[in-house]
PDB file of N, CA and C in Angstrom:
ATOM      1  N   UNK A   1     -31.570 -78.058  -9.984  1.00  0.00           N
ATOM      2  CA  UNK A   1     -31.443 -77.744  -8.569  1.00  0.00           C
ATOM      3  C   UNK A   1     -30.896 -76.320  -8.448  1.00  0.00           C
ATOM      4  N   UNK A   2     -31.524 -75.509  -7.616  1.00  0.00           N
ATOM      5  CA  UNK A   2     -31.079 -74.133  -7.383  1.00  0.00           C
ATOM      6  C   UNK A   2     -30.043 -74.112  -6.261  1.00  0.00           C
ATOM      7  N   UNK A   3     -29.103 -73.177  -6.354  1.00  0.00           N
ATOM      8  CA  UNK A   3     -28.083 -72.977  -5.318  1.00  0.00           C
ATOM      9  C   UNK A   3     -28.348 -71.665  -4.594  1.00  0.00           C
ATOM     10  N   UNK A   4     -28.254 -71.720  -3.284  1.00  0.00           N
ATOM     11  CA  UNK A   4     -28.466 -70.532  -2.459  1.00  0.00           C
ATOM     12  C   UNK A   4     -27.287 -70.356  -1.504  1.00  0.00           C
ATOM     13  N   UNK A   5     -26.930 -69.105  -1.266  1.00  0.00           N
ATOM     14  CA  UNK A   5     -25.990 -68.759  -0.210  1.00  0.00           C
ATOM     15  C   UNK A   5     -26.798 -68.059   0.877  1.00  0.00           C
ATOM     16  N   UNK A   6     -26.652 -68.515   2.113  1.00  0.00           N
ATOM     17  CA  UNK A   6     -27.412 -67.976   3.236  1.00  0.00           C
ATOM     18  C   UNK A   6     -26.426 -67.439   4.270  1.00  0.00           C
ATOM     19  N   UNK A   7     -26.623 -66.204   4.681  1.00  0.00           N
ATOM     20  CA  UNK A   7     -25.786 -65.570   5.705  1.00  0.00           C
ATOM     21  C   UNK A   7     -26.672 -65.251   6.893  1.00  0.00           C
ATOM     22  N   UNK A   8     -26.214 -65.632   8.083  1.00  0.00           N
ATOM     23  CA  UNK A   8     -26.983 -65.398   9.306  1.00  0.00           C
ATOM     24  C   UNK A   8     -26.122 -64.685  10.332  1.00  0.00           C
ATOM     25  N   UNK A   9     -26.700 -63.656  10.934  1.00  0.00           N
ATOM     26  CA  UNK A   9     -26.043 -62.969  12.050  1.00  0.00           C
ATOM     27  C   UNK A   9     -26.950 -63.049  13.266  1.00  0.00           C
ATOM     28  N   UNK A  10     -26.400 -63.572  14.352  1.00  0.00           N
ATOM     29  CA  UNK A  10     -27.117 -63.628  15.622  1.00  0.00           C
ATOM     30  C   UNK A  10     -26.724 -62.403  16.437  1.00  0.00           C
ATOM     31  N   UNK A  11     -27.697 -61.721  16.993  1.00  0.00           N
ATOM     32  CA  UNK A  11     -27.451 -60.492  17.748  1.00  0.00           C
ATOM     33  C   UNK A  11     -27.498 -60.747  19.257  1.00  0.00           C
ATOM     34  N   UNK A  12     -26.981 -59.796  20.003  1.00  0.00           N
ATOM     35  CA  UNK A  12     -27.081 -59.872  21.456  1.00  0.00           C
ATOM     36  C   UNK A  12     -25.862 -60.510  22.098  1.00  0.00           C
ATOM     37  N   UNK A  13     -25.988 -60.722  23.396  1.00  0.00           N
ATOM     38  CA  UNK A  13     -24.895 -61.296  24.177  1.00  0.00           C
ATOM     39  C   UNK A  13     -24.769 -62.786  23.916  1.00  0.00           C
ATOM     40  N   UNK A  14     -23.545 -63.258  23.808  1.00  0.00           N
ATOM     41  CA  UNK A  14     -23.225 -64.678  23.733  1.00  0.00           C
ATOM     42  C   UNK A  14     -24.023 -65.449  22.677  1.00  0.00           C
ATOM     43  N   UNK A  15     -23.936 -65.022  21.413  1.00  0.00           N
ATOM     44  CA  UNK A  15     -24.640 -65.790  20.372  1.00  0.00           C
ATOM     45  C   UNK A  15     -24.037 -67.183  20.234  1.00  0.00           C
ATOM     46  N   UNK A  16     -24.872 -68.186  20.092  1.00  0.00           N
ATOM     47  CA  UNK A  16     -24.433 -69.580  20.072  1.00  0.00           C
ATOM     48  C   UNK A  16     -24.330 -70.086  18.634  1.00  0.00           C
ATOM     49  N   UNK A  17     -23.231 -69.738  17.977  1.00  0.00           N
ATOM     50  CA  UNK A  17     -23.049 -70.155  16.593  1.00  0.00           C
ATOM     51  C   UNK A  17     -22.822 -71.658  16.466  1.00  0.00           C
ATOM     52  N   UNK A  18     -22.254 -72.289  17.466  1.00  0.00           N
ATOM     53  CA  UNK A  18     -22.072 -73.741  17.390  1.00  0.00           C
ATOM     54  C   UNK A  18     -23.423 -74.448  17.298  1.00  0.00           C
ATOM     55  N   UNK A  19     -24.376 -74.026  18.103  1.00  0.00           N
ATOM     56  CA  UNK A  19     -25.715 -74.607  18.051  1.00  0.00           C
ATOM     57  C   UNK A  19     -26.394 -74.263  16.724  1.00  0.00           C
ATOM     58  N   UNK A  20     -26.201 -73.039  16.246  1.00  0.00           N
ATOM     59  CA  UNK A  20     -26.751 -72.646  14.957  1.00  0.00           C
ATOM     60  C   UNK A  20     -26.218 -73.547  13.853  1.00  0.00           C
ATOM     61  N   UNK A  21     -24.904 -73.764  13.820  1.00  0.00           N
ATOM     62  CA  UNK A  21     -24.307 -74.625  12.797  1.00  0.00           C
ATOM     63  C   UNK A  21     -24.908 -76.029  12.855  1.00  0.00           C
ATOM     64  N   UNK A  22     -25.055 -76.558  14.055  1.00  0.00           N
ATOM     65  CA  UNK A  22     -25.606 -77.903  14.231  1.00  0.00           C
ATOM     66  C   UNK A  22     -27.031 -77.990  13.676  1.00  0.00           C
ATOM     67  N   UNK A  23     -27.868 -77.031  14.038  1.00  0.00           N
ATOM     68  CA  UNK A  23     -29.272 -77.060  13.618  1.00  0.00           C
ATOM     69  C   UNK A  23     -29.410 -76.790  12.115  1.00  0.00           C
ATOM     70  N   UNK A  24     -28.589 -75.923  11.581  1.00  0.00           N
ATOM     71  CA  UNK A  24     -28.643 -75.646  10.144  1.00  0.00           C
ATOM     72  C   UNK A  24     -28.222 -76.881   9.348  1.00  0.00           C
ATOM     73  N   UNK A  25     -27.167 -77.550   9.803  1.00  0.00           N
ATOM     74  CA  UNK A  25     -26.715 -78.753   9.109  1.00  0.00           C
ATOM     75  C   UNK A  25     -27.756 -79.868   9.194  1.00  0.00           C
ATOM     76  N   UNK A  26     -28.439 -79.997  10.319  1.00  0.00           N
ATOM     77  CA  UNK A  26     -29.520 -80.982  10.449  1.00  0.00           C
ATOM     78  C   UNK A  26     -30.634 -80.716   9.445  1.00  0.00           C
ATOM     79  N   UNK A  27     -30.825 -79.442   9.078  1.00  0.00           N
ATOM     80  CA  UNK A  27     -31.886 -79.058   8.142  1.00  0.00           C
ATOM     81  C   UNK A  27     -31.414 -79.057   6.687  1.00  0.00           C
ATOM     82  N   UNK A  28     -30.178 -79.502   6.438  1.00  0.00           N
ATOM     83  CA  UNK A  28     -29.695 -79.616   5.066  1.00  0.00           C
ATOM     84  C   UNK A  28     -28.853 -78.468   4.570  1.00  0.00           C
ATOM     85  N   UNK A  29     -28.562 -77.498   5.413  1.00  0.00           N
ATOM     86  CA  UNK A  29     -27.686 -76.386   5.051  1.00  0.00           C
ATOM     87  C   UNK A  29     -26.242 -76.818   5.301  1.00  0.00           C
ATOM     88  N   UNK A  30     -25.372 -76.537   4.351  1.00  0.00           N
ATOM     89  CA  UNK A  30     -23.980 -76.975   4.453  1.00  0.00           C
ATOM     90  C   UNK A  30     -23.056 -75.785   4.677  1.00  0.00           C
ATOM     91  N   UNK A  31     -21.982 -76.010   5.380  1.00  0.00           N
ATOM     92  CA  UNK A  31     -20.988 -74.962   5.610  1.00  0.00           C
ATOM     93  C   UNK A  31     -19.834 -75.083   4.624  1.00  0.00           C
ATOM     94  N   UNK A  32     -20.028 -75.872   3.573  1.00  0.00           N
ATOM     95  CA  UNK A  32     -19.000 -76.041   2.544  1.00  0.00           C
ATOM     96  C   UNK A  32     -19.592 -75.776   1.169  1.00  0.00           C
ATOM     97  N   UNK A  33     -18.694 -75.595   0.213  1.00  0.00           N
ATOM     98  CA  UNK A  33     -19.065 -75.387  -1.173  1.00  0.00           C
ATOM     99  C   UNK A  33     -18.094 -76.176  -2.041  1.00  0.00           C
ATOM    100  N   UNK A  34     -18.572 -76.702  -3.159  1.00  0.00           N
ATOM    101  CA  UNK A  34     -17.742 -77.534  -4.026  1.00  0.00           C
ATOM    102  C   UNK A  34     -17.472 -76.816  -5.338  1.00  0.00           C
ATOM    103  N   UNK A  35     -16.211 -76.835  -5.750  1.00  0.00           N
ATOM    104  CA  UNK A  35     -15.837 -76.216  -7.022  1.00  0.00           C
ATOM    105  C   UNK A  35     -16.253 -77.107  -8.186  1.00  0.00           C
ATOM    106  N   UNK A  36     -16.182 -76.566  -9.384  1.00  0.00           N
ATOM    107  CA  UNK A  36     -16.485 -77.333 -10.575  1.00  0.00           C
ATOM    108  C   UNK A  36     -15.549 -78.506 -10.775  1.00  0.00           C
ATOM    109  N   UNK A  37     -14.370 -78.432 -10.161  1.00  0.00           N
ATOM    110  CA  UNK A  37     -13.392 -79.521 -10.243  1.00  0.00           C
ATOM    111  C   UNK A  37     -13.567 -80.535  -9.123  1.00  0.00           C
ATOM    112  N   UNK A  38     -14.558 -80.310  -8.252  1.00  0.00           N
ATOM    113  CA  UNK A  38     -14.848 -81.260  -7.186  1.00  0.00           C
ATOM    114  C   UNK A  38     -14.160 -80.996  -5.865  1.00  0.00           C
ATOM    115  N   UNK A  39     -13.368 -79.932  -5.771  1.00  0.00           N
ATOM    116  CA  UNK A  39     -12.704 -79.590  -4.509  1.00  0.00           C
ATOM    117  C   UNK A  39     -13.711 -78.936  -3.578  1.00  0.00           C
ATOM    118  N   UNK A  40     -13.718 -79.353  -2.312  1.00  0.00           N
ATOM    119  CA  UNK A  40     -14.656 -78.826  -1.323  1.00  0.00           C
ATOM    120  C   UNK A  40     -13.934 -77.784  -0.464  1.00  0.00           C
ATOM    121  N   UNK A  41     -14.616 -76.654  -0.244  1.00  0.00           N
ATOM    122  CA  UNK A  41     -14.056 -75.540   0.534  1.00  0.00           C
ATOM    123  C   UNK A  41     -14.999 -75.174   1.671  1.00  0.00           C
ATOM    124  N   UNK A  42     -14.423 -74.665   2.769  1.00  0.00           N
ATOM    125  CA  UNK A  42     -15.211 -74.146   3.889  1.00  0.00           C
ATOM    126  C   UNK A  42     -15.701 -72.747   3.532  1.00  0.00           C
ATOM    127  N   UNK A  43     -16.960 -72.474   3.820  1.00  0.00           N
ATOM    128  CA  UNK A  43     -17.501 -71.132   3.654  1.00  0.00           C
ATOM    129  C   UNK A  43     -17.091 -70.261   4.847  1.00  0.00           C
ATOM    130  N   UNK A  44     -17.139 -68.928   4.697  1.00  0.00           N
ATOM    131  CA  UNK A  44     -16.874 -68.052   5.846  1.00  0.00           C
ATOM    132  C   UNK A  44     -17.868 -68.341   6.980  1.00  0.00           C
ATOM    133  N   UNK A  45     -17.511 -67.918   8.179  1.00  0.00           N
ATOM    134  CA  UNK A  45     -18.365 -68.151   9.352  1.00  0.00           C
ATOM    135  C   UNK A  45     -19.792 -67.661   9.117  1.00  0.00           C
ATOM    136  N   UNK A  46     -20.736 -68.476   9.567  1.00  0.00           N
ATOM    137  CA  UNK A  46     -22.170 -68.167   9.537  1.00  0.00           C
ATOM    138  C   UNK A  46     -22.710 -67.999   8.118  1.00  0.00           C
ATOM    139  N   UNK A  47     -22.039 -68.601   7.139  1.00  0.00           N
ATOM    140  CA  UNK A  47     -22.575 -68.684   5.783  1.00  0.00           C
ATOM    141  C   UNK A  47     -22.827 -70.139   5.465  1.00  0.00           C
ATOM    142  N   UNK A  48     -23.890 -70.361   4.698  1.00  0.00           N
ATOM    143  CA  UNK A  48     -24.312 -71.722   4.393  1.00  0.00           C
ATOM    144  C   UNK A  48     -24.638 -71.850   2.915  1.00  0.00           C
ATOM    145  N   UNK A  49     -24.469 -73.044   2.419  1.00  0.00           N
ATOM    146  CA  UNK A  49     -24.852 -73.411   1.074  1.00  0.00           C
ATOM    147  C   UNK A  49     -26.114 -74.260   1.185  1.00  0.00           C
ATOM    148  N   UNK A  50     -27.082 -74.009   0.305  1.00  0.00           N
ATOM    149  CA  UNK A  50     -28.317 -74.782   0.324  1.00  0.00           C
ATOM    150  C   UNK A  50     -28.731 -75.048  -1.110  1.00  0.00           C
ATOM    151  N   UNK A  51     -29.088 -76.299  -1.395  1.00  0.00           N
ATOM    152  CA  UNK A  51     -29.517 -76.686  -2.740  1.00  0.00           C
ATOM    153  C   UNK A  51     -30.919 -77.275  -2.673  1.00  0.00           C
ATOM    154  N   UNK A  52     -31.827 -76.695  -3.451  1.00  0.00           N
ATOM    155  CA  UNK A  52     -33.203 -77.188  -3.474  1.00  0.00           C
ATOM    156  C   UNK A  52     -33.955 -76.531  -4.627  1.00  0.00           C
ATOM    157  N   UNK A  53     -35.020 -77.145  -5.047  1.00  0.00           N
ATOM    158  CA  UNK A  53     -35.889 -76.565  -6.071  1.00  0.00           C
ATOM    159  C   UNK A  53     -37.056 -75.846  -5.417  1.00  0.00           C
ATOM    160  N   UNK A  54     -36.730 -74.795  -4.653  1.00  0.00           N
ATOM    161  CA  UNK A  54     -37.733 -73.983  -3.968  1.00  0.00           C
ATOM    162  C   UNK A  54     -37.362 -72.518  -4.147  1.00  0.00           C
ATOM    163  N   UNK A  55     -38.210 -71.623  -3.686  1.00  0.00           N
ATOM    164  CA  UNK A  55     -37.962 -70.188  -3.844  1.00  0.00           C
ATOM    165  C   UNK A  55     -37.034 -69.647  -2.762  1.00  0.00           C
ATOM    166  N   UNK A  56     -36.473 -68.477  -3.042  1.00  0.00           N
ATOM    167  CA  UNK A  56     -35.643 -67.784  -2.043  1.00  0.00           C
ATOM    168  C   UNK A  56     -36.446 -67.525  -0.773  1.00  0.00           C
ATOM    169  N   UNK A  57     -37.718 -67.188  -0.932  1.00  0.00           N
ATOM    170  CA  UNK A  57     -38.561 -66.902   0.226  1.00  0.00           C
ATOM    171  C   UNK A  57     -38.717 -68.100   1.146  1.00  0.00           C
ATOM    172  N   UNK A  58     -38.862 -69.269   0.574  1.00  0.00           N
ATOM    173  CA  UNK A  58     -38.977 -70.480   1.399  1.00  0.00           C
ATOM    174  C   UNK A  58     -37.652 -70.769   2.096  1.00  0.00           C
ATOM    175  N   UNK A  59     -36.543 -70.601   1.380  1.00  0.00           N
ATOM    176  CA  UNK A  59     -35.222 -70.790   2.008  1.00  0.00           C
ATOM    177  C   UNK A  59     -35.067 -69.797   3.157  1.00  0.00           C
ATOM    178  N   UNK A  60     -35.437 -68.541   2.926  1.00  0.00           N
ATOM    179  CA  UNK A  60     -35.360 -67.514   3.966  1.00  0.00           C
ATOM    180  C   UNK A  60     -36.184 -67.910   5.185  1.00  0.00           C
ATOM    181  N   UNK A  61     -37.420 -68.337   4.959  1.00  0.00           N
ATOM    182  CA  UNK A  61     -38.281 -68.725   6.078  1.00  0.00           C
ATOM    183  C   UNK A  61     -37.691 -69.888   6.871  1.00  0.00           C
ATOM    184  N   UNK A  62     -37.143 -70.872   6.179  1.00  0.00           N
ATOM    185  CA  UNK A  62     -36.540 -72.026   6.862  1.00  0.00           C
ATOM    186  C   UNK A  62     -35.326 -71.603   7.689  1.00  0.00           C
ATOM    187  N   UNK A  63     -34.439 -70.833   7.076  1.00  0.00           N
ATOM    188  CA  UNK A  63     -33.226 -70.403   7.783  1.00  0.00           C
ATOM    189  C   UNK A  63     -33.571 -69.497   8.965  1.00  0.00           C
ATOM    190  N   UNK A  64     -34.508 -68.570   8.755  1.00  0.00           N
ATOM    191  CA  UNK A  64     -34.899 -67.653   9.826  1.00  0.00           C
ATOM    192  C   UNK A  64     -35.511 -68.411  11.001  1.00  0.00           C
ATOM    193  N   UNK A  65     -36.352 -69.368  10.709  1.00  0.00           N
ATOM    194  CA  UNK A  65     -36.999 -70.133  11.782  1.00  0.00           C
ATOM    195  C   UNK A  65     -35.967 -70.855  12.644  1.00  0.00           C
ATOM    196  N   UNK A  66     -34.966 -71.434  12.008  1.00  0.00           N
ATOM    197  CA  UNK A  66     -33.916 -72.131  12.762  1.00  0.00           C
ATOM    198  C   UNK A  66     -33.128 -71.138  13.610  1.00  0.00           C
ATOM    199  N   UNK A  67     -32.666 -70.055  12.978  1.00  0.00           N
ATOM    200  CA  UNK A  67     -31.847 -69.068  13.691  1.00  0.00           C
ATOM    201  C   UNK A  67     -32.631 -68.383  14.809  1.00  0.00           C
ATOM    202  N   UNK A  68     -33.906 -68.126  14.582  1.00  0.00           N
ATOM    203  CA  UNK A  68     -34.729 -67.441  15.573  1.00  0.00           C
ATOM    204  C   UNK A  68     -34.943 -68.293  16.823  1.00  0.00           C
ATOM    205  N   UNK A  69     -34.848 -69.616  16.692  1.00  0.00           N
ATOM    206  CA  UNK A  69     -34.932 -70.494  17.869  1.00  0.00           C
ATOM    207  C   UNK A  69     -33.640 -70.434  18.692  1.00  0.00           C
ATOM    208  N   UNK A  70     -32.533 -70.062  18.043  1.00  0.00           N
ATOM    209  CA  UNK A  70     -31.246 -69.954  18.743  1.00  0.00           C
ATOM    210  C   UNK A  70     -31.128 -68.592  19.425  1.00  0.00           C
ATOM    211  N   UNK A  71     -31.459 -67.537  18.681  1.00  0.00           N
ATOM    212  CA  UNK A  71     -31.368 -66.170  19.187  1.00  0.00           C
ATOM    213  C   UNK A  71     -32.446 -65.342  18.491  1.00  0.00           C
ATOM    214  N   UNK A  72     -33.265 -64.663  19.251  1.00  0.00           N
ATOM    215  CA  UNK A  72     -34.390 -63.915  18.697  1.00  0.00           C
ATOM    216  C   UNK A  72     -33.933 -62.826  17.726  1.00  0.00           C
ATOM    217  N   UNK A  73     -34.719 -62.640  16.685  1.00  0.00           N
ATOM    218  CA  UNK A  73     -34.560 -61.609  15.667  1.00  0.00           C
ATOM    219  C   UNK A  73     -33.173 -61.598  15.010  1.00  0.00           C
ATOM    220  N   UNK A  74     -32.781 -62.719  14.420  1.00  0.00           N
ATOM    221  CA  UNK A  74     -31.507 -62.750  13.703  1.00  0.00           C
ATOM    222  C   UNK A  74     -31.621 -61.965  12.398  1.00  0.00           C
ATOM    223  N   UNK A  75     -30.491 -61.642  11.819  1.00  0.00           N
ATOM    224  CA  UNK A  75     -30.450 -61.077  10.468  1.00  0.00           C
ATOM    225  C   UNK A  75     -30.131 -62.225   9.520  1.00  0.00           C
ATOM    226  N   UNK A  76     -30.918 -62.361   8.457  1.00  0.00           N
ATOM    227  CA  UNK A  76     -30.724 -63.457   7.509  1.00  0.00           C
ATOM    228  C   UNK A  76     -30.782 -62.889   6.093  1.00  0.00           C
ATOM    229  N   UNK A  77     -29.803 -63.250   5.289  1.00  0.00           N
ATOM    230  CA  UNK A  77     -29.736 -62.852   3.891  1.00  0.00           C
ATOM    231  C   UNK A  77     -29.645 -64.102   3.041  1.00  0.00           C
ATOM    232  N   UNK A  78     -30.513 -64.221   2.031  1.00  0.00           N
ATOM    233  CA  UNK A  78     -30.500 -65.358   1.117  1.00  0.00           C
ATOM    234  C   UNK A  78     -30.260 -64.836  -0.288  1.00  0.00           C
ATOM    235  N   UNK A  79     -29.291 -65.428  -0.962  1.00  0.00           N
ATOM    236  CA  UNK A  79     -28.992 -65.084  -2.344  1.00  0.00           C
ATOM    237  C   UNK A  79     -29.110 -66.339  -3.189  1.00  0.00           C
ATOM    238  N   UNK A  80     -29.902 -66.259  -4.253  1.00  0.00           N
ATOM    239  CA  UNK A  80     -29.984 -67.359  -5.212  1.00  0.00           C
ATOM    240  C   UNK A  80     -28.895 -67.152  -6.250  1.00  0.00           C
ATOM    241  N   UNK A  81     -28.184 -68.213  -6.551  1.00  0.00           N
ATOM    242  CA  UNK A  81     -27.008 -68.093  -7.398  1.00  0.00           C
ATOM    243  C   UNK A  81     -27.181 -68.783  -8.740  1.00  0.00           C
ATOM    244  N   UNK A  82     -26.676 -68.135  -9.778  1.00  0.00           N
ATOM    245  CA  UNK A  82     -26.553 -68.783 -11.083  1.00  0.00           C
ATOM    246  C   UNK A  82     -25.095 -69.142 -11.338  1.00  0.00           C
ATOM    247  N   UNK A  83     -24.253 -68.790 -10.411  1.00  0.00           N
ATOM    248  CA  UNK A  83     -22.828 -69.112 -10.472  1.00  0.00           C
ATOM    249  C   UNK A  83     -22.109 -68.399  -9.349  1.00  0.00           C
ATOM    250  N   UNK A  84     -21.105 -69.047  -8.802  1.00  0.00           N
ATOM    251  CA  UNK A  84     -20.358 -68.444  -7.691  1.00  0.00           C
ATOM    252  C   UNK A  84     -18.870 -68.597  -7.957  1.00  0.00           C
ATOM    253  N   UNK A  85     -18.137 -67.605  -7.569  1.00  0.00           N
ATOM    254  CA  UNK A  85     -16.682 -67.598  -7.698  1.00  0.00           C
ATOM    255  C   UNK A  85     -16.115 -67.159  -6.360  1.00  0.00           C
ATOM    256  N   UNK A  86     -14.989 -67.761  -5.974  1.00  0.00           N
ATOM    257  CA  UNK A  86     -14.400 -67.387  -4.691  1.00  0.00           C
ATOM    258  C   UNK A  86     -12.884 -67.510  -4.751  1.00  0.00           C
ATOM    259  N   UNK A  87     -12.278 -66.905  -3.747  1.00  0.00           N
ATOM    260  CA  UNK A  87     -10.826 -66.932  -3.607  1.00  0.00           C
ATOM    261  C   UNK A  87     -10.515 -66.866  -2.129  1.00  0.00           C
ATOM    262  N   UNK A  88      -9.523 -67.598  -1.693  1.00  0.00           N
ATOM    263  CA  UNK A  88      -9.068 -67.525  -0.307  1.00  0.00           C
ATOM    264  C   UNK A  88      -9.814 -68.408   0.667  1.00  0.00           C
ATOM    265  N   UNK A  89     -10.750 -69.214   0.205  1.00  0.00           N
ATOM    266  CA  UNK A  89     -11.437 -70.140   1.120  1.00  0.00           C
ATOM    267  C   UNK A  89     -10.539 -71.324   1.406  1.00  0.00           C
ATOM    268  N   UNK A  90     -10.601 -71.825   2.626  1.00  0.00           N
ATOM    269  CA  UNK A  90      -9.800 -72.983   3.014  1.00  0.00           C
ATOM    270  C   UNK A  90     -10.420 -74.261   2.479  1.00  0.00           C
ATOM    271  N   UNK A  91      -9.574 -75.185   2.030  1.00  0.00           N
ATOM    272  CA  UNK A  91     -10.053 -76.493   1.592  1.00  0.00           C
ATOM    273  C   UNK A  91     -10.592 -77.258   2.795  1.00  0.00           C
ATOM    274  N   UNK A  92     -11.657 -77.992   2.554  1.00  0.00           N
ATOM    275  CA  UNK A  92     -12.257 -78.787   3.633  1.00  0.00           C
ATOM    276  C   UNK A  92     -11.507 -80.093   3.789  1.00  0.00           C
TER     277      UNK A  92
END
């Protein structure tokens, strides 16, 4: 299973991040990440964790389609990970 980190920025007046979070979670994107020891942490705002055996391009298309329904022309960045390290994230 591949791990992806997805960052979305909604532009313009009054971006609706609550609706974005809801729709992303319905599509399988998570706002948390789990350590190797099993501890779950909250990701920074508007970042998502996604696990699937698909390409970065497909993840990008899925995330963009969801965000674009919330606010036109969002910025979306997808990174495929072979390992992630973090510090300062709050425990879920």
